[in-house]
Amino acid sequence: DKQVLSERKKEWKGLLKCFSLLDKEERGQIDLERWEQFLKVLRPGAGKAEVKFYFELMDRDRSGELDMFDFLDMREILQLRMHPYHERMLARRGWKRQGNKILAWRYTGSV
């Protein structure tokens, strides 16, 4: 549908603008510290474990930084749409599911 595509393009433009504001050094990457500052604006009560959880979920290549393609996934990830691939990826990274809800994921490594 053209309307859905139009809305999606607007979302991507907004996310790309946000990414460029966060990428102050213009390296094309956002590190965990910058991500934490940003996420705490979106979710003021976010603790270290939640910050790390979302960062690792978005960091698909495990580079330790988010590029703009990782960042474009933020909408779906923060809405907590979980694909089975992401569940397997998180399990490999030390996350364990508790119960049936994604919000119940608990990080088992060090933060």
C-alpha atoms as a PDB file:
ATOM      1  CA  ASP A   1       0.000   0.000   0.000  1.00  0.00           C
ATOM      2  CA  LYS A   2       1.340   3.439  -0.973  1.00  0.00           C
ATOM      3  CA  GLN A   3       0.241   5.068   2.278  1.00  0.00           C
ATOM      4  CA  VAL A   4       2.126   2.511   4.369  1.00  0.00           C
ATOM      5  CA  LEU A   5       5.231   2.976   2.235  1.00  0.00           C
ATOM      6  CA  SER A   6       4.955   6.755   2.566  1.00  0.00           C
ATOM      7  CA  GLU A   7       4.672   6.501   6.353  1.00  0.00           C
ATOM      8  CA  ARG A   8       7.612   4.108   6.500  1.00  0.00           C
ATOM      9  CA  LYS A   9       9.776   6.516   4.476  1.00  0.00           C
ATOM     10  CA  LYS A  10       8.921   9.308   6.918  1.00  0.00           C
ATOM     11  CA  GLU A  11       9.924   7.082   9.841  1.00  0.00           C
ATOM     12  CA  TRP A  12      13.238   6.195   8.173  1.00  0.00           C
ATOM     13  CA  LYS A  13      13.990   9.861   7.459  1.00  0.00           C
ATOM     14  CA  GLY A  14      13.306  10.696  11.099  1.00  0.00           C
ATOM     15  CA  LEU A  15      15.503   7.849  12.335  1.00  0.00           C
ATOM     16  CA  LEU A  16      18.325   8.826   9.975  1.00  0.00           C
ATOM     17  CA  LYS A  17      18.146  12.418  11.192  1.00  0.00           C
ATOM     18  CA  CYS A  18      18.231  11.199  14.784  1.00  0.00           C
ATOM     19  CA  PHE A  19      21.198   8.964  13.991  1.00  0.00           C
ATOM     20  CA  SER A  20      23.123  11.864  12.473  1.00  0.00           C
ATOM     21  CA  LEU A  21      22.461  13.964  15.594  1.00  0.00           C
ATOM     22  CA  LEU A  22      23.782  11.180  17.831  1.00  0.00           C
ATOM     23  CA  ASP A  23      26.789  10.547  15.581  1.00  0.00           C
ATOM     24  CA  LYS A  24      28.452  13.839  16.550  1.00  0.00           C
ATOM     25  CA  GLU A  25      31.889  12.694  15.386  1.00  0.00           C
ATOM     26  CA  GLU A  26      30.431  11.654  12.001  1.00  0.00           C
ATOM     27  CA  ARG A  27      32.008   8.183  12.219  1.00  0.00           C
ATOM     28  CA  GLY A  28      28.876   6.389  11.081  1.00  0.00           C
ATOM     29  CA  GLN A  29      28.758   4.568  14.439  1.00  0.00           C
ATOM     30  CA  ILE A  30      27.127   5.040  17.839  1.00  0.00           C
ATOM     31  CA  ASP A  31      28.799   3.464  20.855  1.00  0.00           C
ATOM     32  CA  LEU A  32      27.127   2.010  23.949  1.00  0.00           C
ATOM     33  CA  GLU A  33      27.640   5.178  25.987  1.00  0.00           C
ATOM     34  CA  ARG A  34      25.918   7.389  23.399  1.00  0.00           C
ATOM     35  CA  TRP A  35      23.146   4.773  23.030  1.00  0.00           C
ATOM     36  CA  GLU A  36      22.618   4.780  26.793  1.00  0.00           C
ATOM     37  CA  GLN A  37      22.220   8.565  26.827  1.00  0.00           C
ATOM     38  CA  PHE A  38      19.689   8.349  23.996  1.00  0.00           C
ATOM     39  CA  LEU A  39      17.698   5.419  25.384  1.00  0.00           C
ATOM     40  CA  LYS A  40      17.387   7.095  28.776  1.00  0.00           C
ATOM     41  CA  VAL A  41      15.635   9.983  27.038  1.00  0.00           C
ATOM     42  CA  LEU A  42      13.201   7.524  25.412  1.00  0.00           C
ATOM     43  CA  ARG A  43      12.859   5.346  28.509  1.00  0.00           C
ATOM     44  CA  PRO A  44      13.872   7.399  31.578  1.00  0.00           C
ATOM     45  CA  GLY A  45      13.646   4.414  33.924  1.00  0.00           C
ATOM     46  CA  ALA A  46      15.939   2.212  31.800  1.00  0.00           C
ATOM     47  CA  GLY A  47      18.631   0.503  33.840  1.00  0.00           C
ATOM     48  CA  LYS A  48      22.029  -0.709  32.648  1.00  0.00           C
ATOM     49  CA  ALA A  49      20.694  -4.185  31.829  1.00  0.00           C
ATOM     50  CA  GLU A  50      17.876  -2.819  29.653  1.00  0.00           C
ATOM     51  CA  VAL A  51      20.277  -0.446  27.865  1.00  0.00           C
ATOM     52  CA  LYS A  52      22.665  -3.303  27.132  1.00  0.00           C
ATOM     53  CA  PHE A  53      19.811  -5.598  26.117  1.00  0.00           C
ATOM     54  CA  TYR A  54      18.547  -3.253  23.403  1.00  0.00           C
ATOM     55  CA  PHE A  55      22.064  -2.348  22.268  1.00  0.00           C
ATOM     56  CA  GLU A  56      23.022  -5.993  21.780  1.00  0.00           C
ATOM     57  CA  LEU A  57      19.737  -6.742  20.073  1.00  0.00           C
ATOM     58  CA  MET A  58      20.329  -3.952  17.555  1.00  0.00           C
ATOM     59  CA  ASP A  59      24.065  -4.603  17.060  1.00  0.00           C
ATOM     60  CA  ARG A  60      23.612  -7.344  14.461  1.00  0.00           C
ATOM     61  CA  ASP A  61      27.278  -7.646  13.478  1.00  0.00           C
ATOM     62  CA  ARG A  62      28.462  -7.588  17.124  1.00  0.00           C
ATOM     63  CA  SER A  63      30.873  -4.755  16.375  1.00  0.00           C
ATOM     64  CA  GLY A  64      30.186  -3.081  19.704  1.00  0.00           C
ATOM     65  CA  GLU A  65      28.735  -0.093  17.876  1.00  0.00           C
ATOM     66  CA  LEU A  66      25.504   0.688  16.044  1.00  0.00           C
ATOM     67  CA  ASP A  67      25.643   1.746  12.424  1.00  0.00           C
ATOM     68  CA  MET A  68      22.765   3.436  10.641  1.00  0.00           C
ATOM     69  CA  PHE A  69      21.350   0.118   9.408  1.00  0.00           C
ATOM     70  CA  ASP A  70      21.273  -1.216  12.975  1.00  0.00           C
ATOM     71  CA  PHE A  71      19.627   2.022  14.044  1.00  0.00           C
ATOM     72  CA  LEU A  72      16.864   1.709  11.438  1.00  0.00           C
ATOM     73  CA  ASP A  73      15.748  -1.470  13.225  1.00  0.00           C
ATOM     74  CA  MET A  74      15.054   0.536  16.375  1.00  0.00           C
ATOM     75  CA  ARG A  75      11.356   1.040  15.699  1.00  0.00           C
ATOM     76  CA  GLU A  76      10.600  -2.665  15.573  1.00  0.00           C
ATOM     77  CA  ILE A  77      12.971  -3.519  18.398  1.00  0.00           C
ATOM     78  CA  LEU A  78      11.674  -0.909  20.814  1.00  0.00           C
ATOM     79  CA  GLN A  79       8.143  -2.044  20.003  1.00  0.00           C
ATOM     80  CA  LEU A  80       9.370  -5.450  21.146  1.00  0.00           C
ATOM     81  CA  ARG A  81       8.571  -7.395  18.004  1.00  0.00           C
ATOM     82  CA  MET A  82      10.767 -10.432  18.405  1.00  0.00           C
ATOM     83  CA  HIS A  83      11.636 -12.650  15.470  1.00  0.00           C
ATOM     84  CA  PRO A  84      12.890 -16.184  16.338  1.00  0.00           C
ATOM     85  CA  TYR A  85      16.269 -15.227  14.834  1.00  0.00           C
ATOM     86  CA  HIS A  86      16.674 -12.491  17.454  1.00  0.00           C
ATOM     87  CA  GLU A  87      15.758 -14.885  20.245  1.00  0.00           C
ATOM     88  CA  ARG A  88      18.459 -17.335  19.125  1.00  0.00           C
ATOM     89  CA  MET A  89      20.979 -14.521  18.738  1.00  0.00           C
ATOM     90  CA  LEU A  90      20.299 -13.230  22.255  1.00  0.00           C
ATOM     91  CA  ALA A  91      20.531 -16.717  23.727  1.00  0.00           C
ATOM     92  CA  ARG A  92      23.994 -17.074  22.176  1.00  0.00           C
ATOM     93  CA  ARG A  93      24.992 -13.763  23.770  1.00  0.00           C
ATOM     94  CA  GLY A  94      24.093 -14.879  27.282  1.00  0.00           C
ATOM     95  CA  TRP A  95      20.475 -13.741  27.578  1.00  0.00           C
ATOM     96  CA  LYS A  96      17.900 -16.139  29.002  1.00  0.00           C
ATOM     97  CA  ARG A  97      14.157 -15.976  28.504  1.00  0.00           C
ATOM     98  CA  GLN A  98      11.991 -16.013  31.607  1.00  0.00           C
ATOM     99  CA  GLY A  99       8.340 -16.682  30.994  1.00  0.00           C
ATOM    100  CA  ASN A 100       6.567 -15.930  27.742  1.00  0.00           C
ATOM    101  CA  LYS A 101       7.123 -12.190  27.428  1.00  0.00           C
ATOM    102  CA  ILE A 102      10.071 -10.473  25.818  1.00  0.00           C
ATOM    103  CA  LEU A 103      10.121  -7.947  28.648  1.00  0.00           C
ATOM    104  CA  ALA A 104      11.054 -10.830  30.906  1.00  0.00           C
ATOM    105  CA  TRP A 105      14.409 -11.384  29.211  1.00  0.00           C
ATOM    106  CA  ARG A 106      17.175 -11.218  31.766  1.00  0.00           C
ATOM    107  CA  TYR A 107      20.819 -10.602  31.022  1.00  0.00           C
ATOM    108  CA  THR A 108      23.042 -13.238  32.635  1.00  0.00           C
ATOM    109  CA  GLY A 109      26.427 -11.692  31.793  1.00  0.00           C
ATOM    110  CA  SER A 110      28.141  -8.703  33.317  1.00  0.00           C
ATOM    111  CA  VAL A 111      26.789  -5.231  32.601  1.00  0.00           C
END
